[in-house]
């Protein structure tokens, strides 16, 4: 038994994850609905990830804030948020263009039995106000990502200013808090290592249950909608993101090799939050500094959902074709803005896309009952959209890191010249 365990640990994480995924597909297809017996294996994996994900958002973010100068924090924020807005808008536009080309809704009718309650679309002011929780513990237990990020940033900055205070007692207490939280961060990392050993088994359970439970009839009916969605994210991965990366002189193929584990985990789990532990590891492999990755990746979970935004673009055209209307250019431009704002702030958890679709449809005066029509294949769609979300977060982090490295090189050049001059004079 010990030899088997040693052999299992020695195999690469990607090889084990891929094996679990392929076996899950095979078993799911063979057993069909009976493959639900493997559901507990997948559910346990997701529970383990959910168990440590809040500490993995909070602790690295506090450490990142305290390892940066306040000016650096502002500079990184000014770089990453424009990327989030631009990439999200591009994703929506790409989804609209593809759907206009493939016509996924032609020939389909609105089901009489479909019903869904439209969620209230929060205003921009309310979104900002909701970031400040009235109860910190409720925000943590409910998984309110925007509130958690806000609390963490405020707490991290408070500790940072304590550590740099002129008062000696403040500095001592600030350092104490920082060291304790840094120790907690290391402990969570150790727990994560154990969770990842179980990951391939969990992936097998999730995949077997997913492919076994999806009704083939529903998949066939919505095949054009599914194909358009997958094609859209593939284009994000092979065309849009590489353009961003090339603009900042990043080796695209090597970058994708380094992040392939996060891509597969996001695809299988359909959860950006659940993938965060692997995303951090892949960011390190991709050469992204902790200063940047620990700050931007948690922010990306809440503010950068490119795959989800693409879904909104496809879904709007899909809905307009079902009810037989043609949207004008101004209407499409408005939808791009609505979809971009709806994607920003949508938590990266399974099923969030349906809520976002309902908000976009209600704002665009489209029947939200069509959301229910796509619910049957939501699991299959969430897989690819989550992959697009996670890769988008890593691309943004890599771009910011490239600019930070360039600044560091520029800052170090005068020192090199000064030292060289001193040696010559000596």
Protein backbone atom coordinates (compact mmCIF):
# COMPACT_ATOMS: atom_id res chain seq x y z
CA UNK A 1 0.00 0.00 0.00
CA UNK A 2 2.85 2.35 0.83
CA UNK A 3 4.42 1.69 -2.59
CA UNK A 4 1.14 2.53 -4.33
CA UNK A 5 0.85 5.77 -2.34
CA UNK A 6 4.45 6.71 -3.14
CA UNK A 7 3.85 5.96 -6.83
CA UNK A 8 0.66 8.04 -6.84
CA UNK A 9 2.39 11.04 -5.20
CA UNK A 10 5.26 10.85 -7.67
CA UNK A 11 3.01 11.35 -10.71
CA UNK A 12 2.45 14.85 -12.05
CA UNK A 13 -0.68 16.71 -10.95
CA UNK A 14 -1.72 17.32 -14.55
CA UNK A 15 -1.41 13.63 -15.47
CA UNK A 16 -3.54 12.59 -12.50
CA UNK A 17 -6.18 15.25 -13.19
CA UNK A 18 -6.38 14.33 -16.87
CA UNK A 19 -6.71 10.63 -16.03
CA UNK A 20 -9.51 11.34 -13.56
CA UNK A 21 -11.29 13.53 -16.11
CA UNK A 22 -11.10 10.97 -18.96
CA UNK A 23 -12.16 8.07 -16.74
CA UNK A 24 -15.07 10.18 -15.48
CA UNK A 25 -16.30 10.82 -19.04
CA UNK A 26 -16.08 7.12 -19.93
CA UNK A 27 -17.87 5.96 -16.78
CA UNK A 28 -20.52 8.71 -17.12
CA UNK A 29 -21.35 7.73 -20.70
CA UNK A 30 -21.44 4.00 -19.91
CA UNK A 31 -23.50 4.17 -16.72
CA UNK A 32 -25.67 7.17 -17.60
CA UNK A 33 -27.85 8.36 -14.67
CA UNK A 34 -26.48 5.52 -12.52
CA UNK A 35 -23.15 7.35 -12.42
CA UNK A 36 -24.70 9.56 -9.72
CA UNK A 37 -23.25 7.01 -7.26
CA UNK A 38 -19.93 8.83 -7.75
CA UNK A 39 -21.46 12.22 -6.86
CA UNK A 40 -20.19 12.08 -3.22
CA UNK A 41 -16.58 11.83 -4.46
CA UNK A 42 -16.95 15.07 -6.40
CA UNK A 43 -18.99 16.79 -3.72
CA UNK A 44 -16.31 16.03 -1.13
CA UNK A 45 -13.67 17.63 -3.35
CA UNK A 46 -15.77 20.77 -3.86
CA UNK A 47 -16.47 20.95 -0.11
CA UNK A 48 -12.74 20.74 0.64
CA UNK A 49 -12.02 23.54 -1.81
CA UNK A 50 -14.85 25.68 -0.41
CA UNK A 51 -13.53 25.00 3.10
CA UNK A 52 -10.18 26.66 2.42
CA UNK A 53 -11.09 29.14 -0.29
CA UNK A 54 -12.05 32.04 2.02
CA UNK A 55 -8.74 31.82 3.93
CA UNK A 56 -7.03 31.59 0.53
CA UNK A 57 -8.66 34.84 -0.54
CA UNK A 58 -8.07 36.69 2.73
CA UNK A 59 -4.60 35.62 3.88
CA UNK A 60 -2.62 35.96 0.61
CA UNK A 61 -4.33 39.29 -0.09
CA UNK A 62 -3.34 40.68 3.33
CA UNK A 63 0.23 39.40 2.87
CA UNK A 64 0.36 40.94 -0.64
CA UNK A 65 -0.85 44.30 0.66
CA UNK A 66 1.79 44.27 3.40
CA UNK A 67 4.55 43.29 1.00
CA UNK A 68 3.79 46.32 -1.17
CA UNK A 69 4.19 50.03 -0.78
CA UNK A 70 0.90 52.00 -0.81
CA UNK A 71 2.01 53.61 -4.09
CA UNK A 72 2.52 50.14 -5.60
CA UNK A 73 -0.98 49.08 -4.59
CA UNK A 74 -2.50 52.09 -6.30
CA UNK A 75 -0.36 51.57 -9.39
CA UNK A 76 -1.33 47.89 -9.73
CA UNK A 77 -5.00 48.73 -9.26
CA UNK A 78 -4.85 51.42 -11.96
CA UNK A 79 -3.41 48.82 -14.32
CA UNK A 80 -5.59 45.80 -13.60
CA UNK A 81 -9.07 47.39 -13.56
CA UNK A 82 -8.84 48.88 -17.07
CA UNK A 83 -7.84 45.41 -18.30
CA UNK A 84 -10.89 43.91 -16.58
CA UNK A 85 -13.26 46.38 -18.25
CA UNK A 86 -11.69 46.14 -21.73
CA UNK A 87 -11.38 42.34 -21.77
CA UNK A 88 -14.94 41.91 -20.47
CA UNK A 89 -16.38 44.24 -23.12
CA UNK A 90 -14.38 42.46 -25.84
CA UNK A 91 -15.78 39.11 -24.64
CA UNK A 92 -19.38 40.39 -24.87
CA UNK A 93 -18.80 41.75 -28.38
CA UNK A 94 -17.18 38.47 -29.47
CA UNK A 95 -20.19 36.54 -28.16
CA UNK A 96 -22.61 38.78 -30.10
CA UNK A 97 -20.61 38.48 -33.35
CA UNK A 98 -20.38 34.69 -33.13
CA UNK A 99 -24.08 34.29 -32.32
CA UNK A 100 -24.97 36.54 -35.26
CA UNK A 101 -22.96 34.17 -37.45
CA UNK A 102 -24.17 30.82 -36.06
CA UNK A 103 -27.84 31.78 -35.33
CA UNK A 104 -28.20 29.43 -32.31
CA UNK A 105 -31.84 30.38 -31.62
CA UNK A 106 -33.27 29.94 -35.12
CA UNK A 107 -35.92 27.21 -35.19
CA UNK A 108 -36.44 27.12 -31.42
CA UNK A 109 -39.58 28.27 -29.62
CA UNK A 110 -40.15 29.61 -26.12
CA UNK A 111 -41.35 26.73 -23.89
CA UNK A 112 -44.77 27.34 -22.31
CA UNK A 113 -43.74 25.65 -19.07
CA UNK A 114 -40.53 27.62 -18.64
CA UNK A 115 -40.53 30.03 -15.76
CA UNK A 116 -37.86 31.91 -13.90
CA UNK A 117 -37.94 34.79 -11.45
CA UNK A 118 -36.01 37.84 -12.57
CA UNK A 119 -33.54 38.98 -9.93
CA UNK A 120 -33.46 42.65 -9.14
CA UNK A 121 -30.70 44.40 -11.02
CA UNK A 122 -28.71 46.43 -8.48
CA UNK A 123 -27.76 49.97 -9.39
CA UNK A 124 -24.11 51.00 -9.53
CA UNK A 125 -24.49 52.91 -6.25
CA UNK A 126 -26.09 49.91 -4.52
CA UNK A 127 -23.31 47.65 -5.79
CA UNK A 128 -20.74 49.95 -4.17
CA UNK A 129 -22.76 50.16 -0.95
CA UNK A 130 -23.17 46.37 -0.78
CA UNK A 131 -19.39 46.01 -0.82
CA UNK A 132 -19.42 47.37 2.73
CA UNK A 133 -21.05 44.66 4.88
CA UNK A 134 -23.14 45.48 7.92
CA UNK A 135 -21.98 42.23 9.49
CA UNK A 136 -18.47 40.95 8.81
CA UNK A 137 -19.24 37.41 9.96
CA UNK A 138 -22.34 37.18 7.77
CA UNK A 139 -20.28 38.24 4.76
CA UNK A 140 -17.75 35.49 5.51
CA UNK A 141 -20.31 32.72 6.08
CA UNK A 142 -22.43 33.67 3.06
CA UNK A 143 -19.41 33.86 0.75
CA UNK A 144 -20.12 37.46 -0.33
CA UNK A 145 -16.99 37.88 -2.42
CA UNK A 146 -17.13 41.63 -2.97
CA UNK A 147 -17.61 42.25 0.75
CA UNK A 148 -14.83 39.80 1.66
CA UNK A 149 -12.38 41.52 -0.70
CA UNK A 150 -13.33 44.92 0.73
CA UNK A 151 -12.91 43.73 4.34
CA UNK A 152 -9.55 42.15 3.49
CA UNK A 153 -8.19 45.24 1.75
CA UNK A 154 -9.24 47.49 4.63
CA UNK A 155 -7.75 45.11 7.20
CA UNK A 156 -4.54 44.67 5.21
CA UNK A 157 -4.09 48.42 4.83
CA UNK A 158 -4.73 48.95 8.56
CA UNK A 159 -1.95 46.47 9.42
CA UNK A 160 0.34 48.06 6.80
CA UNK A 161 -0.07 51.53 8.31
CA UNK A 162 0.44 50.12 11.81
CA UNK A 163 3.73 48.52 10.72
CA UNK A 164 4.94 51.83 9.27
CA UNK A 165 3.69 54.00 12.11
CA UNK A 166 5.99 56.42 13.96
CA UNK A 167 4.66 54.97 17.22
CA UNK A 168 6.86 52.04 18.36
CA UNK A 169 3.95 50.23 20.03
CA UNK A 170 1.88 50.45 16.84
CA UNK A 171 4.79 49.03 14.82
CA UNK A 172 5.23 46.17 17.28
CA UNK A 173 1.55 45.22 17.22
CA UNK A 174 1.39 45.58 13.44
CA UNK A 175 4.36 43.26 12.99
CA UNK A 176 2.80 40.78 15.43
CA UNK A 177 -0.47 40.70 13.48
CA UNK A 178 1.37 40.36 10.18
CA UNK A 179 3.55 37.48 11.45
CA UNK A 180 0.52 35.62 12.82
CA UNK A 181 -1.39 36.01 9.54
CA UNK A 182 1.69 35.00 7.55
CA UNK A 183 1.93 31.88 9.70
CA UNK A 184 -1.76 31.15 9.11
CA UNK A 185 -1.17 31.56 5.39
CA UNK A 186 1.58 28.92 5.51
CA UNK A 187 -0.70 26.56 7.46
CA UNK A 188 -3.47 26.92 4.86
CA UNK A 189 -0.90 26.19 2.14
CA UNK A 190 -0.07 22.91 3.90
CA UNK A 191 -3.76 21.99 4.07
CA UNK A 192 -4.08 22.83 0.38
CA UNK A 193 -1.29 20.39 -0.48
CA UNK A 194 -3.34 17.60 1.12
CA UNK A 195 -6.53 18.64 -0.68
CA UNK A 196 -4.75 18.56 -4.04
CA UNK A 197 -3.68 14.95 -3.46
CA UNK A 198 -7.37 14.04 -3.42
CA UNK A 199 -8.19 16.29 -6.40
CA UNK A 200 -7.98 13.63 -9.20
CA UNK A 201 -10.49 11.41 -7.38
CA UNK A 202 -12.82 14.37 -6.92
CA UNK A 203 -12.47 15.27 -10.60
CA UNK A 204 -13.44 11.72 -11.53
CA UNK A 205 -16.58 11.97 -9.37
CA UNK A 206 -17.63 15.36 -10.75
CA UNK A 207 -17.07 14.37 -14.37
CA UNK A 208 -18.83 11.00 -14.12
CA UNK A 209 -21.87 12.57 -12.46
CA UNK A 210 -21.97 15.51 -14.92
CA UNK A 211 -21.78 13.48 -18.11
CA UNK A 212 -24.06 10.78 -16.75
CA UNK A 213 -26.84 13.12 -15.65
CA UNK A 214 -27.14 15.36 -18.74
CA UNK A 215 -30.06 14.35 -20.94
CA UNK A 216 -28.84 13.79 -24.49
CA UNK A 217 -32.10 15.17 -25.95
CA UNK A 218 -31.58 18.56 -24.28
CA UNK A 219 -27.98 18.67 -25.46
CA UNK A 220 -29.04 17.98 -29.08
CA UNK A 221 -31.76 20.66 -29.06
CA UNK A 222 -29.36 23.30 -27.72
CA UNK A 223 -26.32 22.00 -29.60
CA UNK A 224 -25.83 25.23 -31.61
CA UNK A 225 -26.04 27.33 -28.45
CA UNK A 226 -23.50 25.06 -26.73
CA UNK A 227 -21.20 24.96 -29.79
CA UNK A 228 -21.29 28.76 -30.16
CA UNK A 229 -20.44 29.21 -26.48
CA UNK A 230 -17.51 26.78 -26.65
CA UNK A 231 -16.24 28.32 -29.89
CA UNK A 232 -16.38 31.76 -28.28
CA UNK A 233 -14.25 30.78 -25.29
CA UNK A 234 -11.82 28.90 -27.54
CA UNK A 235 -11.37 32.10 -29.55
CA UNK A 236 -10.77 33.98 -26.31
CA UNK A 237 -8.04 31.47 -25.47
CA UNK A 238 -6.34 31.23 -28.88
CA UNK A 239 -6.92 34.72 -30.31
CA UNK A 240 -7.96 37.45 -27.85
CA UNK A 241 -5.78 36.57 -24.86
CA UNK A 242 -2.68 35.91 -27.02
CA UNK A 243 -3.08 39.40 -28.56
CA UNK A 244 -3.06 40.91 -25.05
CA UNK A 245 -0.06 38.78 -24.06
CA UNK A 246 1.92 39.46 -27.24
CA UNK A 247 1.41 43.19 -26.74
CA UNK A 248 3.38 42.85 -23.51
CA UNK A 249 6.00 40.44 -24.95
CA UNK A 250 4.80 37.32 -23.14
CA UNK A 251 5.65 33.91 -24.67
CA UNK A 252 2.11 32.67 -25.25
CA UNK A 253 2.71 28.92 -25.67
CA UNK A 254 4.94 28.74 -22.58
CA UNK A 255 2.39 30.75 -20.61
CA UNK A 256 -0.38 28.28 -21.47
CA UNK A 257 1.85 25.34 -20.60
CA UNK A 258 2.39 26.85 -17.17
CA UNK A 259 -1.31 27.44 -16.46
CA UNK A 260 -2.78 24.23 -17.96
CA UNK A 261 -3.57 22.78 -14.52
CA UNK A 262 -5.71 25.79 -13.59
CA UNK A 263 -7.49 25.57 -16.96
CA UNK A 264 -8.39 21.91 -16.46
CA UNK A 265 -9.44 22.39 -12.81
CA UNK A 266 -11.65 25.36 -13.73
CA UNK A 267 -13.24 23.36 -16.55
CA UNK A 268 -14.01 20.36 -14.37
CA UNK A 269 -15.16 22.12 -11.18
CA UNK A 270 -17.03 25.01 -12.90
CA UNK A 271 -15.87 27.22 -10.02
CA UNK A 272 -13.42 30.12 -10.27
CA UNK A 273 -13.32 30.32 -6.47
CA UNK A 274 -12.71 26.59 -6.08
CA UNK A 275 -9.89 26.78 -8.64
CA UNK A 276 -8.11 29.62 -6.81
CA UNK A 277 -5.62 27.35 -4.96
CA UNK A 278 -4.43 25.87 -8.27
CA UNK A 279 -4.54 29.30 -9.93
CA UNK A 280 -2.04 30.62 -7.38
CA UNK A 281 0.30 27.69 -8.07
CA UNK A 282 0.05 28.19 -11.82
CA UNK A 283 0.72 31.92 -11.44
CA UNK A 284 3.97 31.02 -9.70
CA UNK A 285 4.89 28.62 -12.54
CA UNK A 286 4.11 31.36 -15.06
CA UNK A 287 6.65 33.63 -13.37
CA UNK A 288 4.10 36.03 -11.92
CA UNK A 289 5.42 37.62 -8.73
CA UNK A 290 3.49 37.00 -5.51
CA UNK A 291 3.20 40.76 -5.08
CA UNK A 292 0.99 40.85 -8.18
CA UNK A 293 -0.71 37.44 -8.15
CA UNK A 294 -1.81 37.53 -4.50
CA UNK A 295 -3.36 40.93 -5.06
CA UNK A 296 -4.92 40.64 -8.53
CA UNK A 297 -6.21 37.04 -8.61
CA UNK A 298 -8.65 37.46 -5.68
CA UNK A 299 -9.82 40.74 -7.26
CA UNK A 300 -10.29 38.93 -10.57
CA UNK A 301 -12.72 36.50 -8.95
CA UNK A 302 -15.10 39.37 -8.26
CA UNK A 303 -14.41 41.80 -11.09
CA UNK A 304 -13.18 39.88 -14.15
CA UNK A 305 -15.48 37.25 -15.67
CA UNK A 306 -14.70 37.22 -19.39
CA UNK A 307 -16.21 33.78 -20.06
CA UNK A 308 -19.43 34.75 -18.30
CA UNK A 309 -19.55 38.02 -20.26
CA UNK A 310 -19.22 36.10 -23.54
CA UNK A 311 -22.15 33.96 -22.43
CA UNK A 312 -24.30 37.08 -22.08
CA UNK A 313 -23.45 38.17 -25.63
CA UNK A 314 -24.38 34.77 -27.10
CA UNK A 315 -27.51 34.48 -24.95
CA UNK A 316 -28.91 37.87 -25.97
CA UNK A 317 -28.78 37.00 -29.69
CA UNK A 318 -30.10 33.50 -28.88
CA UNK A 319 -33.11 35.03 -27.09
CA UNK A 320 -33.80 37.63 -29.78
CA UNK A 321 -33.85 34.92 -32.47
CA UNK A 322 -36.29 32.76 -30.49
CA UNK A 323 -38.81 35.59 -30.22
CA UNK A 324 -38.12 36.77 -33.78
CA UNK A 325 -36.73 40.29 -33.30
CA UNK A 326 -33.63 41.97 -34.71
CA UNK A 327 -31.65 44.14 -32.34
CA UNK A 328 -30.37 47.46 -33.71
CA UNK A 329 -26.77 48.65 -33.38
CA UNK A 330 -27.64 51.11 -30.56
CA UNK A 331 -29.52 48.33 -28.74
CA UNK A 332 -26.53 46.00 -29.12
CA UNK A 333 -24.20 48.74 -27.85
CA UNK A 334 -26.42 49.16 -24.79
CA UNK A 335 -26.39 45.39 -24.23
CA UNK A 336 -22.56 45.39 -24.33
CA UNK A 337 -22.52 47.96 -21.52
CA UNK A 338 -25.21 46.15 -19.49
CA UNK A 339 -23.47 42.79 -19.91
CA UNK A 340 -20.08 44.22 -18.93
CA UNK A 341 -21.54 45.72 -15.74
CA UNK A 342 -23.49 42.51 -14.99
CA UNK A 343 -20.35 40.40 -15.33
CA UNK A 344 -18.36 42.71 -13.03
CA UNK A 345 -19.21 41.73 -9.49
CA UNK A 346 -20.75 38.33 -10.30
CA UNK A 347 -19.20 35.84 -7.88
CA UNK A 348 -17.23 33.04 -9.55
CA UNK A 349 -19.39 30.15 -8.38
CA UNK A 350 -21.32 27.52 -10.37
CA UNK A 351 -24.68 28.76 -11.68
CA UNK A 352 -23.93 32.48 -11.33
CA UNK A 353 -24.25 32.82 -15.12
CA UNK A 354 -27.99 32.12 -14.97
CA UNK A 355 -28.48 34.98 -12.50
CA UNK A 356 -26.42 37.29 -14.68
CA UNK A 357 -28.41 36.26 -17.78
CA UNK A 358 -31.66 37.06 -16.00
CA UNK A 359 -30.37 40.53 -15.10
CA UNK A 360 -29.21 41.23 -18.67
CA UNK A 361 -32.46 39.94 -20.20
CA UNK A 362 -34.66 42.00 -17.89
CA UNK A 363 -32.63 45.15 -18.64
CA UNK A 364 -32.75 44.44 -22.39
CA UNK A 365 -36.53 43.74 -22.32
CA UNK A 366 -36.06 40.13 -23.42
CA UNK A 367 -38.18 37.28 -21.97
CA UNK A 368 -36.30 35.85 -19.01
CA UNK A 369 -38.19 32.56 -19.47
CA UNK A 370 -35.51 31.73 -22.07
CA UNK A 371 -33.05 31.48 -19.18
CA UNK A 372 -34.96 28.41 -18.03
CA UNK A 373 -34.59 26.91 -21.52
CA UNK A 374 -30.79 26.93 -21.18
CA UNK A 375 -30.79 25.73 -17.56
CA UNK A 376 -30.79 22.08 -18.67
CA UNK A 377 -27.28 22.42 -20.12
CA UNK A 378 -26.01 24.95 -17.58
CA UNK A 379 -23.49 22.49 -16.11
CA UNK A 380 -21.90 21.87 -19.51
CA UNK A 381 -21.81 25.61 -20.28
CA UNK A 382 -20.41 26.60 -16.88
CA UNK A 383 -17.40 24.34 -17.47
CA UNK A 384 -16.09 26.28 -20.48
CA UNK A 385 -17.13 29.73 -19.24
CA UNK A 386 -15.31 29.19 -15.93
CA UNK A 387 -12.20 28.18 -17.84
CA UNK A 388 -12.40 31.48 -19.75
CA UNK A 389 -12.82 33.39 -16.47
CA UNK A 390 -9.79 31.84 -14.77
CA UNK A 391 -7.49 32.23 -17.78
CA UNK A 392 -8.57 35.86 -18.07
CA UNK A 393 -7.55 36.46 -14.44
CA UNK A 394 -4.13 34.91 -15.07
CA UNK A 395 -3.63 36.89 -18.29
CA UNK A 396 -4.40 40.13 -16.46
CA UNK A 397 -2.00 39.22 -13.64
CA UNK A 398 0.76 38.35 -16.13
CA UNK A 399 0.33 41.62 -18.02
CA UNK A 400 0.52 43.69 -14.83
CA UNK A 401 3.56 41.70 -13.68
CA UNK A 402 5.32 42.41 -16.99
CA UNK A 403 4.86 46.14 -16.49
CA UNK A 404 6.01 45.92 -12.86
CA UNK A 405 9.17 44.03 -13.87
CA UNK A 406 9.90 46.69 -16.48
CA UNK A 407 9.59 49.40 -13.82
CA UNK A 408 11.93 47.49 -11.51
CA UNK A 409 14.53 47.23 -14.28
CA UNK A 410 14.28 50.96 -14.98
CA UNK A 411 14.68 51.75 -11.28
CA UNK A 412 17.75 49.52 -10.97
CA UNK A 413 19.58 50.92 -14.03
CA UNK A 414 20.79 54.15 -12.35
CA UNK A 415 22.16 52.11 -9.44
CA UNK A 416 24.09 49.89 -11.83
CA UNK A 417 25.54 52.92 -13.59
CA UNK A 418 26.50 54.54 -10.28
CA UNK A 419 28.23 51.38 -9.02
CA UNK A 420 30.09 50.98 -12.32
CA UNK A 421 31.24 54.60 -12.20
CA UNK A 422 32.46 54.16 -8.63
CA UNK A 423 34.49 51.08 -9.62
CA UNK A 424 36.08 52.96 -12.52
CA UNK A 425 37.02 55.89 -10.29
CA UNK A 426 38.44 53.48 -7.71
